[in-house]
Amino acid sequence: HALDFIPNDSLWGDLWGMRAINAPAAWDSETGSRDVVVAVIDTGVDYNHPDLRNNMWVNTAEIPNNGVDDDGNGFVDDVHGIDAFSNTGDPMDDQVGTWHGTHCAGTVGAEGNNNEGVAGVAHKVSIMALKFLGANGSGSTSGALVCLDYAVKHGARISSNSWGGGGSNSVFEAALSDAAANHNHLFIAAAGNDASDNDGGSHYPSNYVPTPDALIAVASTTSSNVLSSFSNFGATTVDLGAPGSSILSCSSSTSGSGYQYLSGTSMATPHVSGAAALLLAKNPTLTNMELKSLIMDNITPLASLNGRMVKPGILNVQAALAAVPTPGLTCLHADGRLRVFWTQQGEKATCVSPDGVDLDMLQCAGEFTIRRLSNGLIATCDDPLPPLTELMCLESEGFIEVEWADEGESANCITEAGDILSGPLVCQASG
């Protein structure tokens, strides 16, 4: 048994939502990873906020503030995201007073345990700021499309969408299906604040059904574990609940305290987005549909929500995290040997075939510590502890080979001379 992790953030005591979703227990084993990118599609994000600046996504292909579209993607100086509303590369939140996108971003991933303000569900994450809503909080579907396209093309596996309105749009629904099917993207959307039944209405984007259905529609709950009075619901169109009433999070870093309370399904949605980020940090090999299932199958049931959503209950991030399978080395070729090559200590390895051809299909998803015990070809493969993220090489230039048989069997590390060394590495798939 262990005590739940309590961060030292100064406003932690006011974050009732984090306790409601069992986040402290989850943080005992996982606090997030900067390798996970979450797109916040909204009014923009104050990327200078002291609780957000270290968790902002960075477009490394863009040179900041040089007035040039270095990566040729149509946006100049899009270092932290884009503003599709004004067609610029600066996604600064300009919704004065509400700072809607900044508030949502803080719930997803305000830096945790930094002696500053609040903590997001993911203490470490990369927040991609994608603005399509203007200062008045309104925007167009075409702008949302630009943001979604940017998100999937720049590596965001998750998007948090605290917006809605207007009717169904076939082009946007097709884009959602493309994001789900071809980019392994999970789209998390607010159910709406009309206190109405979405089963009989048309609240979009939360009512879309992409193929595959990698969309989670989120209702709002209160600190009393009941549906918020304003929240939409729907036995077949709303998936689960999450804290959304009187939620404290980030606001502008240049006015007031830098933090404020807001209410809405907009505030519930980023709790789920942050939870998805934690799950992906623990196992980067999870698919979008696996993420959705883990979240929905591990709720805290609430009788008060029976008949009002697909999974009548609220998000339980600790239970979902506990159900995440531990990743291993995914072997996509049966019965053979690979060589793993590296150059510098701490760098990622390249998986190559025995004849030296790069094997991009091999997913080196587990953090297998490969150590050379002495000069030459002697090495060991340690059995790592979770969380597992990537194949890491701890010594300098050399080769090592990995041998496996069928799915589920153990792989061995072998020398170039054919001597089997310690292991095992478990192959999760083969053939």
Protein backbone atom coordinates (compact mmCIF):
# COMPACT_ATOMS: atom_id res chain seq x y z
CA HIS A 1 0.00 0.00 0.00
CA ALA A 2 1.14 3.58 -0.63
CA LEU A 3 -0.13 7.06 0.04
CA ASP A 4 -1.75 8.85 -2.90
CA PHE A 5 0.58 11.33 -4.57
CA ILE A 6 -0.30 14.88 -3.50
CA PRO A 7 1.41 17.58 -5.59
CA ASN A 8 2.85 20.70 -3.98
CA ASP A 9 0.94 23.09 -6.26
CA SER A 10 -0.32 25.99 -4.18
CA LEU A 11 -3.99 25.70 -5.22
CA TRP A 12 -4.17 21.91 -5.00
CA GLY A 13 -6.73 22.05 -2.19
CA ASP A 14 -9.25 23.68 -4.54
CA LEU A 15 -9.00 21.04 -7.27
CA TRP A 16 -11.95 18.88 -6.21
CA GLY A 17 -12.24 17.44 -9.70
CA MET A 18 -8.82 15.80 -9.53
CA ARG A 19 -9.79 13.99 -6.36
CA ALA A 20 -13.16 13.00 -7.83
CA ILE A 21 -11.50 11.21 -10.75
CA ASN A 22 -8.99 9.50 -8.43
CA ALA A 23 -6.05 11.30 -9.99
CA PRO A 24 -3.77 11.26 -6.90
CA ALA A 25 -3.82 7.45 -6.86
CA ALA A 26 -3.04 7.43 -10.58
CA TRP A 27 -0.10 9.78 -10.06
CA ASP A 28 1.53 7.18 -7.81
CA SER A 29 2.46 5.29 -10.95
CA GLU A 30 2.21 7.78 -13.85
CA THR A 31 2.35 11.57 -14.14
CA GLY A 32 2.65 11.90 -17.91
CA SER A 33 5.17 12.35 -20.69
CA ARG A 34 6.22 15.20 -22.94
CA ASP A 35 6.18 12.68 -25.77
CA VAL A 36 2.35 12.67 -25.68
CA VAL A 37 0.81 15.50 -27.71
CA VAL A 38 -2.70 16.74 -26.89
CA ALA A 39 -4.26 19.31 -29.22
CA VAL A 40 -6.50 21.81 -27.43
CA ILE A 41 -8.83 23.04 -30.19
CA ASP A 42 -10.36 26.18 -28.72
CA THR A 43 -9.79 29.94 -28.29
CA GLY A 44 -6.03 29.47 -28.12
CA VAL A 45 -3.75 29.00 -25.13
CA ASP A 46 -1.69 31.46 -23.12
CA TYR A 47 1.59 29.71 -23.82
CA ASN A 48 3.44 32.13 -21.51
CA HIS A 49 1.45 31.07 -18.44
CA PRO A 50 3.87 29.89 -15.71
CA ASP A 51 1.84 26.70 -15.23
CA LEU A 52 1.69 25.93 -18.96
CA ARG A 53 4.85 27.20 -20.65
CA ASN A 54 6.93 24.11 -19.82
CA ASN A 55 4.21 21.81 -21.15
CA MET A 56 3.59 23.52 -24.48
CA TRP A 57 4.17 21.55 -27.65
CA VAL A 58 7.07 22.87 -29.72
CA ASN A 59 7.24 22.64 -33.49
CA THR A 60 10.93 21.86 -33.84
CA ALA A 61 10.76 22.34 -37.61
CA GLU A 62 9.99 26.04 -37.13
CA ILE A 63 12.55 28.70 -36.16
CA PRO A 64 10.81 31.05 -33.69
CA ASN A 65 10.11 34.65 -34.63
CA ASN A 66 12.05 34.74 -37.90
CA GLY A 67 9.03 35.63 -40.01
CA VAL A 68 9.54 32.58 -42.25
CA ASP A 69 7.41 29.49 -42.81
CA ASP A 70 10.40 27.23 -42.19
CA ASP A 71 8.53 23.93 -42.43
CA GLY A 72 6.40 24.95 -45.41
CA ASN A 73 3.08 24.07 -43.80
CA GLY A 74 1.40 27.37 -44.61
CA PHE A 75 1.87 29.02 -41.22
CA VAL A 76 4.68 31.37 -40.24
CA ASP A 77 6.30 30.91 -36.82
CA ASP A 78 3.81 28.24 -35.69
CA VAL A 79 5.98 27.26 -32.75
CA HIS A 80 3.19 26.19 -30.35
CA GLY A 81 0.32 25.72 -32.79
CA ILE A 82 -1.79 27.92 -35.07
CA ASP A 83 -4.56 30.50 -35.15
CA ALA A 84 -6.95 29.28 -37.85
CA PHE A 85 -9.33 32.13 -37.01
CA SER A 86 -6.84 34.76 -38.21
CA ASN A 87 -4.73 32.40 -40.33
CA THR A 88 -1.50 33.02 -38.41
CA GLY A 89 1.00 30.93 -36.50
CA ASP A 90 0.28 32.59 -33.14
CA PRO A 91 -2.36 30.71 -31.08
CA MET A 92 -2.37 33.10 -28.11
CA ASP A 93 -5.70 33.06 -26.27
CA ASP A 94 -7.40 36.45 -26.68
CA GLN A 95 -10.81 35.70 -25.17
CA VAL A 96 -10.53 38.37 -22.48
CA GLY A 97 -12.24 37.53 -19.20
CA THR A 98 -12.98 33.88 -19.93
CA TRP A 99 -9.68 32.65 -21.39
CA HIS A 100 -11.55 29.49 -22.32
CA GLY A 101 -8.81 27.61 -24.13
CA THR A 102 -6.22 28.42 -21.49
CA HIS A 103 -8.56 27.14 -18.78
CA CYS A 104 -9.11 23.88 -20.67
CA ALA A 105 -5.39 23.49 -21.31
CA GLY A 106 -4.69 23.87 -17.60
CA THR A 107 -6.99 20.98 -16.73
CA VAL A 108 -5.39 18.80 -19.38
CA GLY A 109 -1.82 19.54 -18.46
CA ALA A 110 -0.87 22.37 -16.13
CA GLU A 111 2.59 21.46 -14.88
CA GLY A 112 2.26 19.44 -11.70
CA ASN A 113 4.29 19.51 -8.50
CA ASN A 114 6.02 22.78 -9.44
CA ASN A 115 4.93 24.85 -6.43
CA GLU A 116 2.77 26.88 -8.81
CA GLY A 117 -1.00 27.26 -8.96
CA VAL A 118 -2.84 24.18 -10.20
CA ALA A 119 -1.97 20.73 -11.55
CA GLY A 120 -3.40 19.19 -14.70
CA VAL A 121 -4.46 15.58 -14.98
CA ALA A 122 -1.19 15.06 -16.86
CA HIS A 123 1.66 16.76 -15.01
CA LYS A 124 3.86 16.35 -18.07
CA VAL A 125 2.46 16.57 -21.60
CA SER A 126 2.87 18.56 -24.81
CA ILE A 127 -0.10 20.88 -25.35
CA MET A 128 -0.62 21.89 -28.97
CA ALA A 129 -2.59 25.15 -29.07
CA LEU A 130 -5.01 25.22 -32.02
CA LYS A 131 -7.17 28.32 -32.15
CA PHE A 132 -10.26 28.59 -34.32
CA LEU A 133 -12.53 30.49 -31.94
CA GLY A 134 -12.09 34.26 -31.88
CA ALA A 135 -12.11 36.71 -28.99
CA ASN A 136 -15.91 36.48 -28.86
CA GLY A 137 -15.80 32.69 -28.53
CA SER A 138 -17.19 31.98 -32.00
CA GLY A 139 -15.65 30.33 -35.01
CA SER A 140 -16.38 28.35 -38.15
CA THR A 141 -16.43 24.66 -38.97
CA SER A 142 -13.87 25.35 -41.67
CA GLY A 143 -11.54 26.72 -39.00
CA ALA A 144 -12.09 23.64 -36.85
CA LEU A 145 -11.24 21.50 -39.88
CA VAL A 146 -7.94 23.32 -40.34
CA CYS A 147 -7.12 22.71 -36.68
CA LEU A 148 -7.98 19.02 -36.80
CA ASP A 149 -5.92 18.58 -39.96
CA TYR A 150 -2.96 20.36 -38.34
CA ALA A 151 -3.30 18.23 -35.20
CA VAL A 152 -3.11 14.87 -36.93
CA LYS A 153 -0.38 15.95 -39.35
CA HIS A 154 1.79 17.15 -36.48
CA GLY A 155 1.48 14.12 -34.23
CA ALA A 156 -1.37 14.86 -31.82
CA ARG A 157 -2.87 11.51 -30.82
CA ILE A 158 -5.56 13.22 -28.72
CA SER A 159 -7.61 16.37 -29.18
CA SER A 160 -9.68 18.13 -26.52
CA ASN A 161 -12.73 19.85 -27.99
CA SER A 162 -14.70 22.01 -25.57
CA TRP A 163 -16.94 23.58 -28.18
CA GLY A 164 -20.12 22.89 -30.12
CA GLY A 165 -22.94 24.36 -32.12
CA GLY A 166 -24.38 24.33 -35.59
CA GLY A 167 -25.63 21.32 -37.48
CA SER A 168 -23.93 18.25 -38.81
CA ASN A 169 -21.23 18.77 -41.42
CA SER A 170 -20.40 15.82 -43.67
CA VAL A 171 -16.94 17.15 -44.48
CA PHE A 172 -16.04 17.44 -40.81
CA GLU A 173 -17.43 13.98 -40.06
CA ALA A 174 -15.33 12.56 -42.89
CA ALA A 175 -12.29 14.31 -41.45
CA LEU A 176 -13.00 12.73 -38.08
CA SER A 177 -13.16 9.29 -39.69
CA ASP A 178 -9.89 9.94 -41.49
CA ALA A 179 -8.25 11.08 -38.24
CA ALA A 180 -9.50 7.97 -36.45
CA ALA A 181 -8.73 5.44 -39.19
CA ASN A 182 -5.48 6.80 -40.59
CA HIS A 183 -3.92 8.78 -37.74
CA ASN A 184 -4.94 6.75 -34.67
CA HIS A 185 -6.52 9.92 -33.26
CA LEU A 186 -8.92 10.13 -30.30
CA PHE A 187 -11.35 13.06 -30.45
CA ILE A 188 -12.80 14.05 -27.05
CA ALA A 189 -15.77 16.44 -27.15
CA ALA A 190 -18.04 18.36 -24.80
CA ALA A 191 -21.66 17.17 -24.72
CA GLY A 192 -23.07 20.71 -24.45
CA ASN A 193 -24.68 22.97 -21.87
CA ASP A 194 -28.38 23.08 -22.83
CA ALA A 195 -29.63 20.65 -20.15
CA SER A 196 -31.08 18.63 -23.03
CA ASP A 197 -31.09 15.07 -24.33
CA ASN A 198 -28.60 14.68 -27.18
CA ASP A 199 -30.31 11.46 -28.26
CA GLY A 200 -33.13 13.52 -29.69
CA GLY A 201 -31.10 16.57 -30.62
CA SER A 202 -28.17 17.46 -32.80
CA HIS A 203 -25.23 18.63 -30.73
CA TYR A 204 -22.06 18.58 -32.79
CA PRO A 205 -19.25 17.66 -32.81
CA SER A 206 -20.08 15.40 -29.84
CA ASN A 207 -22.89 13.61 -31.76
CA TYR A 208 -20.70 12.61 -34.70
CA VAL A 209 -20.02 8.89 -35.16
CA PRO A 210 -16.71 8.56 -37.01
CA THR A 211 -15.49 5.25 -38.41
CA PRO A 212 -13.99 3.83 -36.26
CA ASP A 213 -15.89 5.50 -33.43
CA ALA A 214 -12.86 7.08 -31.76
CA LEU A 215 -14.88 9.89 -30.18
CA ILE A 216 -15.76 10.36 -26.52
CA ALA A 217 -18.66 12.70 -25.62
CA VAL A 218 -18.39 14.06 -22.09
CA ALA A 219 -21.11 15.30 -19.71
CA SER A 220 -20.51 17.42 -16.62
CA THR A 221 -20.88 16.35 -12.99
CA THR A 222 -20.77 18.24 -9.70
CA SER A 223 -18.80 17.74 -6.50
CA SER A 224 -21.90 15.92 -5.20
CA ASN A 225 -21.52 13.32 -7.97
CA VAL A 226 -24.69 14.22 -9.83
CA LEU A 227 -25.22 15.58 -13.32
CA SER A 228 -24.62 19.33 -13.49
CA SER A 229 -27.88 21.23 -13.95
CA PHE A 230 -26.70 22.67 -17.29
CA SER A 231 -25.23 19.49 -18.74
CA ASN A 232 -26.57 17.70 -21.79
CA PHE A 233 -27.00 13.95 -21.52
CA GLY A 234 -27.95 11.03 -23.76
CA ALA A 235 -28.26 7.30 -23.18
CA THR A 236 -26.69 6.57 -26.57
CA THR A 237 -24.93 9.81 -27.55
CA VAL A 238 -23.10 10.84 -24.36
CA ASP A 239 -20.42 8.47 -23.14
CA LEU A 240 -19.56 9.35 -19.53
CA GLY A 241 -19.36 12.14 -17.00
CA ALA A 242 -16.45 14.12 -15.57
CA PRO A 243 -16.13 17.06 -13.17
CA GLY A 244 -17.35 20.28 -14.80
CA SER A 245 -18.98 22.48 -12.16
CA SER A 246 -16.83 25.15 -10.47
CA ILE A 247 -13.51 23.97 -11.87
CA LEU A 248 -10.39 25.96 -11.03
CA SER A 249 -7.77 26.23 -13.75
CA CYS A 250 -5.53 28.67 -15.61
CA SER A 251 -6.56 32.05 -16.98
CA SER A 252 -4.48 34.87 -18.45
CA SER A 253 -0.95 35.24 -17.13
CA THR A 254 -1.14 39.00 -17.62
CA SER A 255 -4.29 39.88 -15.69
CA GLY A 256 -5.72 38.94 -12.32
CA SER A 257 -4.34 36.00 -10.35
CA GLY A 258 -3.74 33.83 -13.41
CA TYR A 259 -6.41 31.35 -12.27
CA GLN A 260 -10.19 31.27 -12.21
CA TYR A 261 -13.26 29.07 -11.77
CA LEU A 262 -15.42 28.14 -14.75
CA SER A 263 -18.29 25.68 -15.22
CA GLY A 264 -19.47 23.68 -18.23
CA THR A 265 -19.06 20.47 -20.14
CA SER A 266 -16.12 22.42 -21.54
CA MET A 267 -14.45 21.95 -18.16
CA ALA A 268 -15.37 18.26 -17.94
CA THR A 269 -13.88 17.40 -21.33
CA PRO A 270 -10.21 18.22 -20.57
CA HIS A 271 -10.30 15.94 -17.52
CA VAL A 272 -10.90 13.06 -19.93
CA SER A 273 -8.32 14.38 -22.40
CA GLY A 274 -5.70 14.56 -19.66
CA ALA A 275 -6.59 11.04 -18.55
CA ALA A 276 -6.09 9.76 -22.10
CA ALA A 277 -2.68 11.45 -22.11
CA LEU A 278 -1.70 9.59 -18.93
CA LEU A 279 -2.73 6.25 -20.41
CA LEU A 280 -0.76 6.93 -23.57
CA ALA A 281 2.26 7.95 -21.51
CA LYS A 282 2.16 4.58 -19.77
CA ASN A 283 1.79 2.65 -23.02
CA PRO A 284 2.48 4.56 -26.25
CA THR A 285 1.39 1.57 -28.33
CA LEU A 286 -2.29 1.90 -27.35
CA THR A 287 -4.65 2.54 -30.25
CA ASN A 288 -7.34 5.21 -30.16
CA MET A 289 -10.03 2.59 -29.67
CA GLU A 290 -8.06 0.96 -26.86
CA LEU A 291 -7.77 4.34 -25.17
CA LYS A 292 -11.51 4.87 -25.47
CA SER A 293 -12.31 1.42 -24.10
CA LEU A 294 -9.94 1.80 -21.15
CA ILE A 295 -11.54 5.09 -20.20
CA MET A 296 -15.14 3.96 -20.62
CA ASP A 297 -14.78 0.50 -19.12
CA ASN A 298 -13.20 1.76 -15.89
CA ILE A 299 -15.55 4.50 -14.71
CA THR A 300 -16.84 5.01 -11.18
CA PRO A 301 -20.52 4.03 -11.56
CA LEU A 302 -23.11 6.55 -10.34
CA ALA A 303 -26.72 5.47 -9.94
CA SER A 304 -27.80 9.08 -10.45
CA LEU A 305 -26.59 8.86 -14.06
CA ASN A 306 -28.34 5.61 -14.96
CA GLY A 307 -30.10 5.87 -18.31
CA ARG A 308 -28.47 9.21 -19.08
CA MET A 309 -25.26 8.09 -20.80
CA VAL A 310 -23.59 5.07 -22.34
CA LYS A 311 -21.47 4.46 -19.23
CA PRO A 312 -23.40 5.97 -16.32
CA GLY A 313 -20.61 7.19 -14.11
CA ILE A 314 -17.61 9.48 -13.91
CA LEU A 315 -14.06 9.19 -15.11
CA ASN A 316 -11.75 7.13 -12.88
CA VAL A 317 -8.24 7.73 -14.17
CA GLN A 318 -6.59 5.46 -11.60
CA ALA A 319 -8.77 2.48 -12.55
CA ALA A 320 -8.18 3.11 -16.25
CA LEU A 321 -4.44 3.42 -15.74
CA ALA A 322 -4.33 0.19 -13.72
CA ALA A 323 -5.98 -1.62 -16.65
CA VAL A 324 -3.41 -0.47 -19.22
CA PRO A 325 -1.39 -3.42 -20.54
CA THR A 326 2.35 -3.12 -20.15
CA PRO A 327 3.99 -2.61 -23.54
CA GLY A 328 6.71 -4.85 -24.83
CA LEU A 329 8.77 -5.23 -27.96
CA THR A 330 6.27 -5.64 -30.79
CA CYS A 331 7.70 -8.13 -33.27
CA LEU A 332 6.16 -7.93 -36.71
CA HIS A 333 8.36 -10.53 -38.40
CA ALA A 334 8.37 -14.17 -37.33
CA ASP A 335 11.32 -16.48 -36.74
CA GLY A 336 14.43 -14.46 -37.35
CA ARG A 337 17.04 -12.18 -35.94
CA LEU A 338 17.36 -8.43 -35.84
CA ARG A 339 20.28 -6.24 -35.04
CA VAL A 340 19.78 -3.19 -32.85
CA PHE A 341 22.23 -0.40 -33.61
CA TRP A 342 22.96 2.72 -31.62
CA THR A 343 25.50 5.52 -31.64
CA GLN A 344 25.53 7.68 -28.54
CA GLN A 345 24.68 6.93 -24.95
CA GLY A 346 21.02 7.66 -24.21
CA GLU A 347 19.97 7.92 -27.85
CA LYS A 348 17.16 5.88 -29.35
CA ALA A 349 18.14 2.73 -31.16
CA THR A 350 17.58 1.85 -34.80
CA CYS A 351 16.19 -1.61 -35.47
CA VAL A 352 17.85 -3.15 -38.52
CA SER A 353 17.77 -6.53 -40.22
CA PRO A 354 20.83 -8.80 -40.18
CA ASP A 355 21.79 -7.46 -43.60
CA GLY A 356 21.66 -3.88 -42.32
CA VAL A 357 18.33 -2.78 -43.79
CA ASP A 358 16.26 -0.52 -41.52
CA LEU A 359 13.05 -2.19 -40.36
CA ASP A 360 10.63 0.66 -39.80
CA MET A 361 7.81 -1.80 -39.09
CA LEU A 362 9.48 -2.98 -35.90
CA GLN A 363 7.91 -0.99 -33.09
CA CYS A 364 10.48 -0.62 -30.36
CA ALA A 365 7.88 0.42 -27.82
CA GLY A 366 9.34 -0.95 -24.61
CA GLU A 367 12.15 0.70 -22.70
CA PHE A 368 14.56 -2.19 -22.79
CA THR A 369 17.82 -1.32 -21.11
CA ILE A 370 20.58 -2.90 -23.19
CA ARG A 371 23.94 -2.76 -21.49
CA ARG A 372 27.35 -3.81 -22.78
CA LEU A 373 29.21 -5.28 -19.83
CA SER A 374 32.65 -4.90 -21.38
CA ASN A 375 34.37 -4.15 -24.65
CA GLY A 376 33.35 -6.41 -27.48
CA LEU A 377 30.01 -8.10 -27.99
CA ILE A 378 28.85 -9.04 -24.50
CA ALA A 379 25.50 -7.50 -23.56
CA THR A 380 22.46 -8.04 -21.36
CA CYS A 381 18.81 -7.14 -21.80
CA ASP A 382 17.24 -6.15 -18.52
CA ASP A 383 13.63 -6.91 -17.64
CA PRO A 384 12.41 -3.30 -17.26
CA LEU A 385 9.97 -1.86 -14.79
CA PRO A 386 6.93 0.08 -16.04
CA PRO A 387 6.27 2.65 -17.32
CA LEU A 388 7.83 1.62 -20.63
CA THR A 389 8.30 4.14 -23.37
CA GLU A 390 11.03 3.43 -25.88
CA LEU A 391 14.09 1.33 -26.69
CA MET A 392 17.02 3.06 -25.04
CA CYS A 393 20.71 2.36 -25.51
CA LEU A 394 22.93 3.18 -22.58
CA GLU A 395 26.33 2.58 -24.09
CA SER A 396 28.16 3.83 -27.14
CA GLU A 397 28.48 2.51 -30.66
CA GLY A 398 27.76 -1.19 -31.22
CA PHE A 399 25.40 -3.88 -32.46
CA ILE A 400 23.26 -6.40 -30.68
CA GLU A 401 20.81 -8.92 -32.12
CA VAL A 402 17.34 -9.88 -30.96
CA GLU A 403 15.89 -13.31 -31.68
CA TRP A 404 12.28 -14.45 -31.26
CA ALA A 405 9.84 -17.15 -32.26
CA ASP A 406 6.06 -16.94 -32.03
CA GLU A 407 3.67 -14.43 -30.52
CA GLY A 408 3.87 -14.30 -26.74
CA GLU A 409 7.19 -16.14 -26.55
CA SER A 410 10.33 -14.61 -25.17
CA ALA A 411 13.05 -13.09 -27.28
CA ASN A 412 16.72 -13.40 -26.49
CA CYS A 413 19.54 -10.96 -26.91
CA ILE A 414 22.40 -12.66 -28.72
CA THR A 415 25.88 -11.68 -29.72
CA GLU A 416 27.02 -11.55 -33.30
CA ALA A 417 28.83 -14.82 -32.60
CA GLY A 418 25.48 -16.40 -31.75
CA ASP A 419 25.83 -16.63 -27.98
CA ILE A 420 22.47 -16.22 -26.20
CA LEU A 421 22.60 -13.65 -23.43
CA SER A 422 20.18 -12.79 -20.67
CA GLY A 423 16.58 -11.79 -21.41
CA PRO A 424 13.78 -12.10 -22.03
CA LEU A 425 12.07 -9.61 -24.31
CA VAL A 426 8.44 -10.61 -24.86
CA CYS A 427 7.14 -10.48 -28.43
CA GLN A 428 3.51 -9.33 -28.39
CA ALA A 429 2.78 -10.05 -32.04
CA SER A 430 4.46 -11.83 -34.88
CA GLY A 431 3.92 -12.87 -38.47
